[in-house]
């Protein structure tokens, strides 16, 4: 999993739900950044951004599962893949805090 250059402290300090999180991987830093933005999201526009970020996590985990050699991490990535879909559905139901809770289980 590649890093996206985010540091834990920066991710929590620089939360602005009006901005889209750059999701280039499914690292802990990326998940923390998305979680922080989920918790700060209040408007419909914010939720659209969060859905796009969760879509990116779902897509990247799907590519990983389809293209990487089988490893002992596969089960964890499969769970995250399903969790990203569940979190996306919760955001669609206007429940970003619940979606954040789903993702926190993967940290």
C-alpha atoms as a PDB file:
ATOM      1  CA  UNK A   1       0.000   0.000   0.000  1.00  0.00           C
ATOM      2  CA  UNK A   2       1.499   3.292  -1.038  1.00  0.00           C
ATOM      3  CA  UNK A   3       1.398   6.287   1.234  1.00  0.00           C
ATOM      4  CA  UNK A   4      -0.407   9.405   0.088  1.00  0.00           C
ATOM      5  CA  UNK A   5       1.870  11.779   1.958  1.00  0.00           C
ATOM      6  CA  UNK A   6      -0.619  12.597   4.697  1.00  0.00           C
ATOM      7  CA  UNK A   7       0.583  12.643   8.282  1.00  0.00           C
ATOM      8  CA  UNK A   8      -1.756  11.756  11.121  1.00  0.00           C
ATOM      9  CA  UNK A   9      -1.462  15.181  12.717  1.00  0.00           C
ATOM     10  CA  UNK A  10      -1.949  17.024   9.434  1.00  0.00           C
ATOM     11  CA  UNK A  11      -4.986  14.932   8.511  1.00  0.00           C
ATOM     12  CA  UNK A  12      -6.825  15.783  11.717  1.00  0.00           C
ATOM     13  CA  UNK A  13      -5.714  19.424  11.811  1.00  0.00           C
ATOM     14  CA  UNK A  14      -6.482  20.202   8.166  1.00  0.00           C
ATOM     15  CA  UNK A  15     -10.005  18.813   7.965  1.00  0.00           C
ATOM     16  CA  UNK A  16     -12.183  20.841   5.646  1.00  0.00           C
ATOM     17  CA  UNK A  17     -15.322  18.981   4.548  1.00  0.00           C
ATOM     18  CA  UNK A  18     -15.636  21.360   1.589  1.00  0.00           C
ATOM     19  CA  UNK A  19     -12.536  19.739   0.064  1.00  0.00           C
ATOM     20  CA  UNK A  20     -12.231  16.319  -1.507  1.00  0.00           C
ATOM     21  CA  UNK A  21      -9.709  13.991   0.108  1.00  0.00           C
ATOM     22  CA  UNK A  22      -7.155  12.654  -2.359  1.00  0.00           C
ATOM     23  CA  UNK A  23      -7.542   8.878  -2.172  1.00  0.00           C
ATOM     24  CA  UNK A  24      -4.627   7.157  -3.858  1.00  0.00           C
ATOM     25  CA  UNK A  25      -4.416   4.112  -1.596  1.00  0.00           C
ATOM     26  CA  UNK A  26      -6.095   2.464   1.375  1.00  0.00           C
ATOM     27  CA  UNK A  27      -3.409   3.162   3.964  1.00  0.00           C
ATOM     28  CA  UNK A  28      -4.209   3.967   7.588  1.00  0.00           C
ATOM     29  CA  UNK A  29      -3.394   7.628   6.929  1.00  0.00           C
ATOM     30  CA  UNK A  30      -5.868   7.751   4.058  1.00  0.00           C
ATOM     31  CA  UNK A  31      -8.553   6.042   6.138  1.00  0.00           C
ATOM     32  CA  UNK A  32      -7.924   8.445   9.056  1.00  0.00           C
ATOM     33  CA  UNK A  33      -8.241  11.417   6.711  1.00  0.00           C
ATOM     34  CA  UNK A  34     -11.517  10.154   5.216  1.00  0.00           C
ATOM     35  CA  UNK A  35     -12.864   9.355   8.705  1.00  0.00           C
ATOM     36  CA  UNK A  36     -12.031  12.857   9.941  1.00  0.00           C
ATOM     37  CA  UNK A  37     -13.822  14.351   6.939  1.00  0.00           C
ATOM     38  CA  UNK A  38     -16.832  12.072   7.454  1.00  0.00           C
ATOM     39  CA  UNK A  39     -17.121  13.300  11.040  1.00  0.00           C
ATOM     40  CA  UNK A  40     -16.976  16.939   9.923  1.00  0.00           C
ATOM     41  CA  UNK A  41     -19.455  16.588   7.048  1.00  0.00           C
ATOM     42  CA  UNK A  42     -22.820  18.285   7.440  1.00  0.00           C
ATOM     43  CA  UNK A  43     -24.091  19.377   4.024  1.00  0.00           C
ATOM     44  CA  UNK A  44     -25.331  17.430   1.025  1.00  0.00           C
ATOM     45  CA  UNK A  45     -22.277  18.563  -0.963  1.00  0.00           C
ATOM     46  CA  UNK A  46     -19.973  17.194   1.750  1.00  0.00           C
ATOM     47  CA  UNK A  47     -21.739  13.840   1.561  1.00  0.00           C
ATOM     48  CA  UNK A  48     -21.295  13.696  -2.207  1.00  0.00           C
ATOM     49  CA  UNK A  49     -17.548  14.198  -1.698  1.00  0.00           C
ATOM     50  CA  UNK A  50     -17.440  11.500   0.974  1.00  0.00           C
ATOM     51  CA  UNK A  51     -19.271   9.056  -1.313  1.00  0.00           C
ATOM     52  CA  UNK A  52     -16.673   9.698  -4.025  1.00  0.00           C
ATOM     53  CA  UNK A  53     -13.840   9.065  -1.567  1.00  0.00           C
ATOM     54  CA  UNK A  54     -15.439   5.827  -0.394  1.00  0.00           C
ATOM     55  CA  UNK A  55     -15.951   4.803  -4.028  1.00  0.00           C
ATOM     56  CA  UNK A  56     -12.221   5.339  -4.572  1.00  0.00           C
ATOM     57  CA  UNK A  57     -11.332   3.142  -1.576  1.00  0.00           C
ATOM     58  CA  UNK A  58     -13.731   0.459  -2.821  1.00  0.00           C
ATOM     59  CA  UNK A  59     -12.230   0.601  -6.328  1.00  0.00           C
ATOM     60  CA  UNK A  60      -8.614   0.528  -5.140  1.00  0.00           C
ATOM     61  CA  UNK A  61      -9.259  -2.425  -2.815  1.00  0.00           C
ATOM     62  CA  UNK A  62     -11.033  -4.219  -5.663  1.00  0.00           C
ATOM     63  CA  UNK A  63      -8.062  -3.672  -7.986  1.00  0.00           C
ATOM     64  CA  UNK A  64      -5.719  -4.894  -5.260  1.00  0.00           C
ATOM     65  CA  UNK A  65      -7.727  -8.094  -4.777  1.00  0.00           C
ATOM     66  CA  UNK A  66      -7.932  -8.737  -8.522  1.00  0.00           C
ATOM     67  CA  UNK A  67      -4.322  -7.958  -9.406  1.00  0.00           C
ATOM     68  CA  UNK A  68      -2.027  -8.738  -6.480  1.00  0.00           C
ATOM     69  CA  UNK A  69      -0.657 -12.158  -5.723  1.00  0.00           C
ATOM     70  CA  UNK A  70      -2.662 -13.937  -3.033  1.00  0.00           C
ATOM     71  CA  UNK A  71      -1.400 -13.103   0.441  1.00  0.00           C
ATOM     72  CA  UNK A  72      -2.440 -13.336   4.057  1.00  0.00           C
ATOM     73  CA  UNK A  73      -3.668  -9.718   3.779  1.00  0.00           C
ATOM     74  CA  UNK A  74      -6.431 -10.710   1.364  1.00  0.00           C
ATOM     75  CA  UNK A  75      -9.007 -11.283   4.109  1.00  0.00           C
ATOM     76  CA  UNK A  76      -8.345  -7.861   5.635  1.00  0.00           C
ATOM     77  CA  UNK A  77      -8.565  -6.180   2.221  1.00  0.00           C
ATOM     78  CA  UNK A  78     -11.793  -8.077   1.432  1.00  0.00           C
ATOM     79  CA  UNK A  79     -13.272  -6.837   4.717  1.00  0.00           C
ATOM     80  CA  UNK A  80     -12.202  -3.262   3.949  1.00  0.00           C
ATOM     81  CA  UNK A  81     -13.662  -3.573   0.448  1.00  0.00           C
ATOM     82  CA  UNK A  82     -17.022  -4.601   1.951  1.00  0.00           C
ATOM     83  CA  UNK A  83     -16.678  -1.975   4.678  1.00  0.00           C
ATOM     84  CA  UNK A  84     -16.147   0.787   2.131  1.00  0.00           C
ATOM     85  CA  UNK A  85     -19.370  -0.255   0.414  1.00  0.00           C
ATOM     86  CA  UNK A  86     -21.248  -0.312   3.723  1.00  0.00           C
ATOM     87  CA  UNK A  87     -19.855   3.104   4.673  1.00  0.00           C
ATOM     88  CA  UNK A  88     -20.861   4.462   1.260  1.00  0.00           C
ATOM     89  CA  UNK A  89     -24.426   3.220   1.799  1.00  0.00           C
ATOM     90  CA  UNK A  90     -24.514   4.894   5.229  1.00  0.00           C
ATOM     91  CA  UNK A  91     -23.376   8.194   3.718  1.00  0.00           C
ATOM     92  CA  UNK A  92     -26.110   7.837   1.091  1.00  0.00           C
ATOM     93  CA  UNK A  93     -28.521   7.492   4.034  1.00  0.00           C
ATOM     94  CA  UNK A  94     -27.065  10.752   5.447  1.00  0.00           C
ATOM     95  CA  UNK A  95     -25.293   8.939   8.294  1.00  0.00           C
ATOM     96  CA  UNK A  96     -21.648  10.029   7.970  1.00  0.00           C
ATOM     97  CA  UNK A  97     -20.875   9.395  11.661  1.00  0.00           C
ATOM     98  CA  UNK A  98     -22.012   5.780  11.295  1.00  0.00           C
ATOM     99  CA  UNK A  99     -19.887   5.485   8.147  1.00  0.00           C
ATOM    100  CA  UNK A 100     -16.887   6.805  10.088  1.00  0.00           C
ATOM    101  CA  UNK A 101     -17.478   4.145  12.739  1.00  0.00           C
ATOM    102  CA  UNK A 102     -17.436   1.424  10.063  1.00  0.00           C
ATOM    103  CA  UNK A 103     -14.072   2.642   8.749  1.00  0.00           C
ATOM    104  CA  UNK A 104     -12.588   3.040  12.230  1.00  0.00           C
ATOM    105  CA  UNK A 105     -12.807  -0.724  12.613  1.00  0.00           C
ATOM    106  CA  UNK A 106     -10.033  -1.012   9.980  1.00  0.00           C
ATOM    107  CA  UNK A 107      -7.471   1.126  11.816  1.00  0.00           C
END
